[in-house]
Amino acid sequence: MESSAVGRVHDAVSHFTVYEDYLDSRGTPMDLLYLHSRELARTLVEHGHKGTVLSREEFQERKAAAQAAKSNAFSYRGQPTTLASAGKELKDNFLKALAEREEANRSGKMTSVIFIRDQNTLGQEVSGYIDYAHRLKTQDFEPYFSGKKRLMPGRTDLCYYNWKTQLSMSNSSPNFEVIYDDPNGLLFKNKRDKKILNVDPLSAPGEDTSRTLRQSDLYVHAVIYDHNIRTV
């Protein structure tokens, strides 16, 4: 799915109040005519029989992201940024690492890419790369830092792979362009300084980029790639 498609998903989700309305929009009058059940028609759509659709969890995340983006658009730019990690007692090394990088990613001094591998709510192994700065702008991170919710890669992040279903997705973000057909493997190109971030653990991560592996009680595998933006 390209970044333009992701934008269309965000626009579509904003039109619906609840998930059921979203499912209804993906069906057709003929579905109701033949199935004689709105609930059955929704089930067929939700399970992918009418094409790729957002899961209920993804729909809710996109709704929250749209609301957060709307709130940010109306916020006063001169106001000091309130950090979601402020005042939180963080015990996990990975969350501590995210907190250490929050201000720099919010201010634009740094753009971090987060790699996470773990099991989703269905017990399926998933992995992916997250544009941390972009997620901070589109999501409320307080639930993550307070332990109410786990940060996990999704189908609209930079890269996502479900090892059970073999579903693979890649999307460029406002900060990075995904390069997935390079002979050197998966690469991310920073859109501001055009420098390449290499996620291959056997290669150097790239100019102005560092790789940090953090042991975590929350995830099977977690790595943070920090790309520092030089200012003239």
C-alpha atoms as a PDB file:
ATOM      1  CA  MET A   1       0.000   0.000   0.000  1.00  0.00           C
ATOM      2  CA  GLU A   2       1.510   3.355  -1.032  1.00  0.00           C
ATOM      3  CA  SER A   3       1.455   6.444   1.179  1.00  0.00           C
ATOM      4  CA  SER A   4      -1.315   7.999  -0.935  1.00  0.00           C
ATOM      5  CA  ALA A   5      -3.450   4.936  -0.243  1.00  0.00           C
ATOM      6  CA  VAL A   6      -2.793   5.337   3.469  1.00  0.00           C
ATOM      7  CA  GLY A   7      -4.036   8.901   3.232  1.00  0.00           C
ATOM      8  CA  ARG A   8      -7.237   7.681   1.596  1.00  0.00           C
ATOM      9  CA  VAL A   9      -7.720   5.201   4.445  1.00  0.00           C
ATOM     10  CA  HIS A  10      -7.381   8.016   6.979  1.00  0.00           C
ATOM     11  CA  ASP A  11      -9.889  10.132   5.018  1.00  0.00           C
ATOM     12  CA  ALA A  12     -12.345   7.234   4.752  1.00  0.00           C
ATOM     13  CA  VAL A  13     -12.156   6.342   8.434  1.00  0.00           C
ATOM     14  CA  SER A  14     -12.866   9.930   9.456  1.00  0.00           C
ATOM     15  CA  HIS A  15     -16.276   9.697   7.791  1.00  0.00           C
ATOM     16  CA  PHE A  16     -17.506   6.879  10.029  1.00  0.00           C
ATOM     17  CA  THR A  17     -18.474   7.101  13.686  1.00  0.00           C
ATOM     18  CA  VAL A  18     -18.313   3.369  14.455  1.00  0.00           C
ATOM     19  CA  TYR A  19     -16.617   0.336  12.918  1.00  0.00           C
ATOM     20  CA  GLU A  20     -19.923  -1.191  11.806  1.00  0.00           C
ATOM     21  CA  ASP A  21     -20.619   1.835   9.592  1.00  0.00           C
ATOM     22  CA  TYR A  22     -17.191   1.383   8.010  1.00  0.00           C
ATOM     23  CA  LEU A  23     -17.941  -2.297   7.269  1.00  0.00           C
ATOM     24  CA  ASP A  24     -21.326  -1.389   5.775  1.00  0.00           C
ATOM     25  CA  SER A  25     -19.601   1.044   3.413  1.00  0.00           C
ATOM     26  CA  ARG A  26     -17.447  -1.775   2.005  1.00  0.00           C
ATOM     27  CA  GLY A  27     -20.446  -3.957   1.208  1.00  0.00           C
ATOM     28  CA  THR A  28     -23.064  -3.622  -1.543  1.00  0.00           C
ATOM     29  CA  PRO A  29     -26.890  -3.744  -1.660  1.00  0.00           C
ATOM     30  CA  MET A  30     -26.551  -7.065  -3.500  1.00  0.00           C
ATOM     31  CA  ASP A  31     -24.818  -8.548  -0.454  1.00  0.00           C
ATOM     32  CA  LEU A  32     -27.882  -7.860   1.695  1.00  0.00           C
ATOM     33  CA  LEU A  33     -30.182  -9.128  -1.045  1.00  0.00           C
ATOM     34  CA  TYR A  34     -28.454 -12.514  -1.233  1.00  0.00           C
ATOM     35  CA  LEU A  35     -27.390 -12.930   2.384  1.00  0.00           C
ATOM     36  CA  HIS A  36     -30.583 -11.594   4.032  1.00  0.00           C
ATOM     37  CA  SER A  37     -28.453 -10.556   7.028  1.00  0.00           C
ATOM     38  CA  ARG A  38     -26.585  -7.319   7.682  1.00  0.00           C
ATOM     39  CA  GLU A  39     -24.469  -9.013  10.369  1.00  0.00           C
ATOM     40  CA  LEU A  40     -23.385 -11.776   7.968  1.00  0.00           C
ATOM     41  CA  ALA A  41     -22.559  -9.198   5.309  1.00  0.00           C
ATOM     42  CA  ARG A  42     -20.391  -7.323   7.829  1.00  0.00           C
ATOM     43  CA  THR A  43     -18.653 -10.555   8.840  1.00  0.00           C
ATOM     44  CA  LEU A  44     -17.732 -11.338   5.231  1.00  0.00           C
ATOM     45  CA  VAL A  45     -16.277  -7.858   4.788  1.00  0.00           C
ATOM     46  CA  GLU A  46     -14.378  -7.995   8.100  1.00  0.00           C
ATOM     47  CA  HIS A  47     -12.789 -11.339   7.197  1.00  0.00           C
ATOM     48  CA  GLY A  48     -11.462  -9.993   3.923  1.00  0.00           C
ATOM     49  CA  HIS A  49     -13.903 -11.555   1.486  1.00  0.00           C
ATOM     50  CA  LYS A  50     -14.574  -8.114  -0.025  1.00  0.00           C
ATOM     51  CA  GLY A  51     -10.943  -7.046  -0.278  1.00  0.00           C
ATOM     52  CA  THR A  52      -8.438  -5.737   2.271  1.00  0.00           C
ATOM     53  CA  VAL A  53     -10.106  -3.905   5.139  1.00  0.00           C
ATOM     54  CA  LEU A  54      -8.983  -2.515   8.452  1.00  0.00           C
ATOM     55  CA  SER A  55      -9.467  -4.658  11.526  1.00  0.00           C
ATOM     56  CA  ARG A  56     -11.548  -3.241  14.374  1.00  0.00           C
ATOM     57  CA  GLU A  57      -8.362  -2.417  16.322  1.00  0.00           C
ATOM     58  CA  GLU A  58      -6.766  -0.697  13.315  1.00  0.00           C
ATOM     59  CA  PHE A  59      -9.967   1.287  12.664  1.00  0.00           C
ATOM     60  CA  GLN A  60      -9.989   2.540  16.237  1.00  0.00           C
ATOM     61  CA  GLU A  61      -6.285   3.437  16.043  1.00  0.00           C
ATOM     62  CA  ARG A  62      -6.851   5.373  12.805  1.00  0.00           C
ATOM     63  CA  LYS A  63      -9.787   7.214  14.378  1.00  0.00           C
ATOM     64  CA  ALA A  64      -7.635   8.147  17.355  1.00  0.00           C
ATOM     65  CA  ALA A  65      -4.807   9.238  15.042  1.00  0.00           C
ATOM     66  CA  ALA A  66      -7.147  11.444  13.013  1.00  0.00           C
ATOM     67  CA  GLN A  67      -8.470  13.081  16.168  1.00  0.00           C
ATOM     68  CA  ALA A  68      -4.938  13.618  17.492  1.00  0.00           C
ATOM     69  CA  ALA A  69      -3.828  15.156  14.198  1.00  0.00           C
ATOM     70  CA  LYS A  70      -6.847  17.457  14.244  1.00  0.00           C
ATOM     71  CA  SER A  71      -6.063  18.552  17.786  1.00  0.00           C
ATOM     72  CA  ASN A  72      -2.432  19.216  16.869  1.00  0.00           C
ATOM     73  CA  ALA A  73      -3.508  21.341  13.915  1.00  0.00           C
ATOM     74  CA  PHE A  74      -5.370  23.693  16.236  1.00  0.00           C
ATOM     75  CA  SER A  75      -2.718  23.790  18.962  1.00  0.00           C
ATOM     76  CA  TYR A  76      -0.702  26.954  19.454  1.00  0.00           C
ATOM     77  CA  ARG A  77       2.778  26.486  17.979  1.00  0.00           C
ATOM     78  CA  GLY A  78       4.475  28.680  20.549  1.00  0.00           C
ATOM     79  CA  GLN A  79       3.229  26.525  23.381  1.00  0.00           C
ATOM     80  CA  PRO A  80       5.842  24.225  24.975  1.00  0.00           C
ATOM     81  CA  THR A  81       5.357  20.577  24.031  1.00  0.00           C
ATOM     82  CA  THR A  82       4.020  18.336  26.779  1.00  0.00           C
ATOM     83  CA  LEU A  83       5.869  15.030  26.715  1.00  0.00           C
ATOM     84  CA  ALA A  84       3.743  11.887  27.028  1.00  0.00           C
ATOM     85  CA  SER A  85       6.523  10.259  29.043  1.00  0.00           C
ATOM     86  CA  ALA A  86       6.752  13.101  31.564  1.00  0.00           C
ATOM     87  CA  GLY A  87       6.240  11.968  35.153  1.00  0.00           C
ATOM     88  CA  LYS A  88       5.984   8.291  34.226  1.00  0.00           C
ATOM     89  CA  GLU A  89       7.836   5.675  36.274  1.00  0.00           C
ATOM     90  CA  LEU A  90       9.360   3.592  33.507  1.00  0.00           C
ATOM     91  CA  LYS A  91      10.875   0.239  34.421  1.00  0.00           C
ATOM     92  CA  ASP A  92      11.242  -1.378  31.005  1.00  0.00           C
ATOM     93  CA  ASN A  93      14.460  -0.549  29.153  1.00  0.00           C
ATOM     94  CA  PHE A  94      12.687  -0.132  25.822  1.00  0.00           C
ATOM     95  CA  LEU A  95      10.158   2.367  27.184  1.00  0.00           C
ATOM     96  CA  LYS A  96      12.994   4.261  28.862  1.00  0.00           C
ATOM     97  CA  ALA A  97      14.765   4.460  25.505  1.00  0.00           C
ATOM     98  CA  LEU A  98      11.630   5.807  23.830  1.00  0.00           C
ATOM     99  CA  ALA A  99      11.215   8.404  26.580  1.00  0.00           C
ATOM    100  CA  GLU A 100      14.823   9.540  26.126  1.00  0.00           C
ATOM    101  CA  ARG A 101      14.126  10.171  22.440  1.00  0.00           C
ATOM    102  CA  GLU A 102      10.635  11.657  22.678  1.00  0.00           C
ATOM    103  CA  GLU A 103      11.557  15.356  22.816  1.00  0.00           C
ATOM    104  CA  ALA A 104      14.105  15.082  19.979  1.00  0.00           C
ATOM    105  CA  ASN A 105      11.610  13.279  17.734  1.00  0.00           C
ATOM    106  CA  ARG A 106       8.844  15.755  18.505  1.00  0.00           C
ATOM    107  CA  SER A 107      11.084  18.758  17.822  1.00  0.00           C
ATOM    108  CA  GLY A 108      12.549  17.381  14.591  1.00  0.00           C
ATOM    109  CA  LYS A 109      16.139  17.112  15.808  1.00  0.00           C
ATOM    110  CA  MET A 110      15.967  13.352  15.351  1.00  0.00           C
ATOM    111  CA  THR A 111      13.886  10.857  13.399  1.00  0.00           C
ATOM    112  CA  SER A 112      13.922   7.399  14.953  1.00  0.00           C
ATOM    113  CA  VAL A 113      12.802   4.151  13.354  1.00  0.00           C
ATOM    114  CA  ILE A 114      11.609   1.471  15.780  1.00  0.00           C
ATOM    115  CA  PHE A 115      11.777  -2.228  14.955  1.00  0.00           C
ATOM    116  CA  ILE A 116       9.521  -4.513  16.988  1.00  0.00           C
ATOM    117  CA  ARG A 117       8.969  -8.271  16.779  1.00  0.00           C
ATOM    118  CA  ASP A 118       6.395  -9.890  19.028  1.00  0.00           C
ATOM    119  CA  GLN A 119       2.972 -11.553  19.082  1.00  0.00           C
ATOM    120  CA  ASN A 120      -0.231  -9.656  18.359  1.00  0.00           C
ATOM    121  CA  THR A 121      -3.511 -10.057  20.251  1.00  0.00           C
ATOM    122  CA  LEU A 122      -4.302 -13.175  18.171  1.00  0.00           C
ATOM    123  CA  GLY A 123      -1.052 -14.843  19.183  1.00  0.00           C
ATOM    124  CA  GLN A 124       0.451 -14.391  15.704  1.00  0.00           C
ATOM    125  CA  GLU A 125       4.091 -13.362  15.351  1.00  0.00           C
ATOM    126  CA  VAL A 126       4.373  -9.978  13.682  1.00  0.00           C
ATOM    127  CA  SER A 127       7.265  -7.619  13.047  1.00  0.00           C
ATOM    128  CA  GLY A 128       7.667  -4.187  11.559  1.00  0.00           C
ATOM    129  CA  TYR A 129       9.320  -0.799  11.430  1.00  0.00           C
ATOM    130  CA  ILE A 130       7.655   2.293  12.925  1.00  0.00           C
ATOM    131  CA  ASP A 131       8.387   5.960  12.191  1.00  0.00           C
ATOM    132  CA  TYR A 132       8.511   7.117  15.822  1.00  0.00           C
ATOM    133  CA  ALA A 133       8.300  10.860  15.086  1.00  0.00           C
ATOM    134  CA  HIS A 134       5.258  10.362  12.860  1.00  0.00           C
ATOM    135  CA  ARG A 135       3.498   8.129  15.383  1.00  0.00           C
ATOM    136  CA  LEU A 136       4.102  10.737  18.111  1.00  0.00           C
ATOM    137  CA  LYS A 137       2.306  13.324  15.985  1.00  0.00           C
ATOM    138  CA  THR A 138      -0.661  11.104  15.147  1.00  0.00           C
ATOM    139  CA  GLN A 139      -1.179   9.096  18.338  1.00  0.00           C
ATOM    140  CA  ASP A 140      -1.479   9.667  22.064  1.00  0.00           C
ATOM    141  CA  PHE A 141       1.552   7.930  23.592  1.00  0.00           C
ATOM    142  CA  GLU A 142       0.450   8.320  27.200  1.00  0.00           C
ATOM    143  CA  PRO A 143      -1.181   4.831  27.227  1.00  0.00           C
ATOM    144  CA  TYR A 144       2.074   3.308  25.964  1.00  0.00           C
ATOM    145  CA  PHE A 145       4.267   4.998  28.558  1.00  0.00           C
ATOM    146  CA  SER A 146       1.786   4.268  31.355  1.00  0.00           C
ATOM    147  CA  GLY A 147       1.657   0.551  30.478  1.00  0.00           C
ATOM    148  CA  LYS A 148      -2.018   0.556  29.494  1.00  0.00           C
ATOM    149  CA  LYS A 149      -1.226  -0.345  25.907  1.00  0.00           C
ATOM    150  CA  ARG A 150       1.628  -1.970  23.960  1.00  0.00           C
ATOM    151  CA  LEU A 151       3.237  -0.252  20.991  1.00  0.00           C
ATOM    152  CA  MET A 152       3.005  -2.643  18.040  1.00  0.00           C
ATOM    153  CA  PRO A 153       3.660  -2.314  14.291  1.00  0.00           C
ATOM    154  CA  GLY A 154       0.572  -2.083  12.113  1.00  0.00           C
ATOM    155  CA  ARG A 155      -0.289  -2.325   8.437  1.00  0.00           C
ATOM    156  CA  THR A 156       0.048   1.450   7.937  1.00  0.00           C
ATOM    157  CA  ASP A 157       3.557   1.714   9.418  1.00  0.00           C
ATOM    158  CA  LEU A 158       6.778   1.820   7.371  1.00  0.00           C
ATOM    159  CA  CYS A 159       6.863  -1.970   7.137  1.00  0.00           C
ATOM    160  CA  TYR A 160       4.687  -4.723   8.555  1.00  0.00           C
ATOM    161  CA  TYR A 161       4.863  -8.509   8.282  1.00  0.00           C
ATOM    162  CA  ASN A 162       2.596 -11.159   9.786  1.00  0.00           C
ATOM    163  CA  TRP A 163       4.521 -14.435   9.960  1.00  0.00           C
ATOM    164  CA  LYS A 164       1.327 -16.484  10.291  1.00  0.00           C
ATOM    165  CA  THR A 165      -0.697 -15.028   7.407  1.00  0.00           C
ATOM    166  CA  GLN A 166       2.398 -13.877   5.459  1.00  0.00           C
ATOM    167  CA  LEU A 167       0.736 -10.491   4.955  1.00  0.00           C
ATOM    168  CA  SER A 168       3.390  -7.933   4.038  1.00  0.00           C
ATOM    169  CA  MET A 169       2.830  -4.159   3.812  1.00  0.00           C
ATOM    170  CA  SER A 170       5.104  -1.158   3.266  1.00  0.00           C
ATOM    171  CA  ASN A 171       4.279   2.554   3.328  1.00  0.00           C
ATOM    172  CA  SER A 172       6.403   5.663   3.071  1.00  0.00           C
ATOM    173  CA  SER A 173       5.869   8.196   5.872  1.00  0.00           C
ATOM    174  CA  PRO A 174       6.337  11.976   6.123  1.00  0.00           C
ATOM    175  CA  ASN A 175       9.924  11.330   7.268  1.00  0.00           C
ATOM    176  CA  PHE A 176      11.056   8.242   5.357  1.00  0.00           C
ATOM    177  CA  GLU A 177      10.751   6.696   1.933  1.00  0.00           C
ATOM    178  CA  VAL A 178      10.758   2.882   1.933  1.00  0.00           C
ATOM    179  CA  ILE A 179      13.206   1.267  -0.495  1.00  0.00           C
ATOM    180  CA  TYR A 180      12.448  -2.458  -0.593  1.00  0.00           C
ATOM    181  CA  ASP A 181      13.852  -3.482  -3.993  1.00  0.00           C
ATOM    182  CA  ASP A 182      17.498  -2.572  -3.380  1.00  0.00           C
ATOM    183  CA  PRO A 183      20.124  -5.374  -3.718  1.00  0.00           C
ATOM    184  CA  ASN A 184      21.355  -4.448  -0.225  1.00  0.00           C
ATOM    185  CA  GLY A 185      17.955  -5.232   1.283  1.00  0.00           C
ATOM    186  CA  LEU A 186      15.420  -3.043   3.030  1.00  0.00           C
ATOM    187  CA  LEU A 187      16.435   0.621   3.268  1.00  0.00           C
ATOM    188  CA  PHE A 188      14.806   3.830   4.476  1.00  0.00           C
ATOM    189  CA  LYS A 189      15.632   7.162   2.834  1.00  0.00           C
ATOM    190  CA  ASN A 190      15.233  10.222   5.043  1.00  0.00           C
ATOM    191  CA  LYS A 191      13.148  12.792   3.163  1.00  0.00           C
ATOM    192  CA  ARG A 192      14.846  15.793   4.753  1.00  0.00           C
ATOM    193  CA  ASP A 193      18.542  15.102   4.180  1.00  0.00           C
ATOM    194  CA  LYS A 194      18.163  12.240   1.637  1.00  0.00           C
ATOM    195  CA  LYS A 195      20.498   9.990   3.629  1.00  0.00           C
ATOM    196  CA  ILE A 196      19.997   6.228   3.758  1.00  0.00           C
ATOM    197  CA  LEU A 197      19.184   4.236   6.883  1.00  0.00           C
ATOM    198  CA  ASN A 198      20.191   0.573   6.590  1.00  0.00           C
ATOM    199  CA  VAL A 199      18.440  -1.859   8.941  1.00  0.00           C
ATOM    200  CA  ASP A 200      20.629  -4.845   8.066  1.00  0.00           C
ATOM    201  CA  PRO A 201      22.224  -5.855  11.420  1.00  0.00           C
ATOM    202  CA  LEU A 202      25.372  -6.980   9.560  1.00  0.00           C
ATOM    203  CA  SER A 203      25.864  -3.587   7.890  1.00  0.00           C
ATOM    204  CA  ALA A 204      26.573  -0.078   9.161  1.00  0.00           C
ATOM    205  CA  PRO A 205      23.273   1.735   9.819  1.00  0.00           C
ATOM    206  CA  GLY A 206      24.268   4.731   7.702  1.00  0.00           C
ATOM    207  CA  GLU A 207      25.630   8.248   8.003  1.00  0.00           C
ATOM    208  CA  ASP A 208      24.341  10.163  11.048  1.00  0.00           C
ATOM    209  CA  THR A 209      22.480   7.024  12.144  1.00  0.00           C
ATOM    210  CA  SER A 210      23.015   4.778  15.149  1.00  0.00           C
ATOM    211  CA  ARG A 211      21.526   1.387  16.039  1.00  0.00           C
ATOM    212  CA  THR A 212      20.487   0.541  19.611  1.00  0.00           C
ATOM    213  CA  LEU A 213      19.327  -2.904  20.711  1.00  0.00           C
ATOM    214  CA  ARG A 214      17.390  -2.825  23.987  1.00  0.00           C
ATOM    215  CA  GLN A 215      16.497  -5.844  26.088  1.00  0.00           C
ATOM    216  CA  SER A 216      12.827  -5.609  26.954  1.00  0.00           C
ATOM    217  CA  ASP A 217      10.362  -7.502  29.113  1.00  0.00           C
ATOM    218  CA  LEU A 218       7.596  -6.372  26.763  1.00  0.00           C
ATOM    219  CA  TYR A 219       8.873  -7.574  23.385  1.00  0.00           C
ATOM    220  CA  VAL A 220      10.746 -10.521  21.909  1.00  0.00           C
ATOM    221  CA  HIS A 221      12.971  -8.168  19.920  1.00  0.00           C
ATOM    222  CA  ALA A 222      13.222  -4.358  19.915  1.00  0.00           C
ATOM    223  CA  VAL A 223      15.730  -2.141  18.091  1.00  0.00           C
ATOM    224  CA  ILE A 224      15.864   1.636  17.683  1.00  0.00           C
ATOM    225  CA  TYR A 225      17.582   3.372  14.766  1.00  0.00           C
ATOM    226  CA  ASP A 226      18.268   7.052  15.473  1.00  0.00           C
ATOM    227  CA  HIS A 227      18.856   9.370  12.534  1.00  0.00           C
ATOM    228  CA  ASN A 228      20.169  12.760  13.630  1.00  0.00           C
ATOM    229  CA  ILE A 229      19.247  15.751  11.510  1.00  0.00           C
ATOM    230  CA  ARG A 230      22.155  18.154  11.050  1.00  0.00           C
ATOM    231  CA  THR A 231      21.311  21.844  11.209  1.00  0.00           C
ATOM    232  CA  VAL A 232      23.434  24.359   9.364  1.00  0.00           C
END
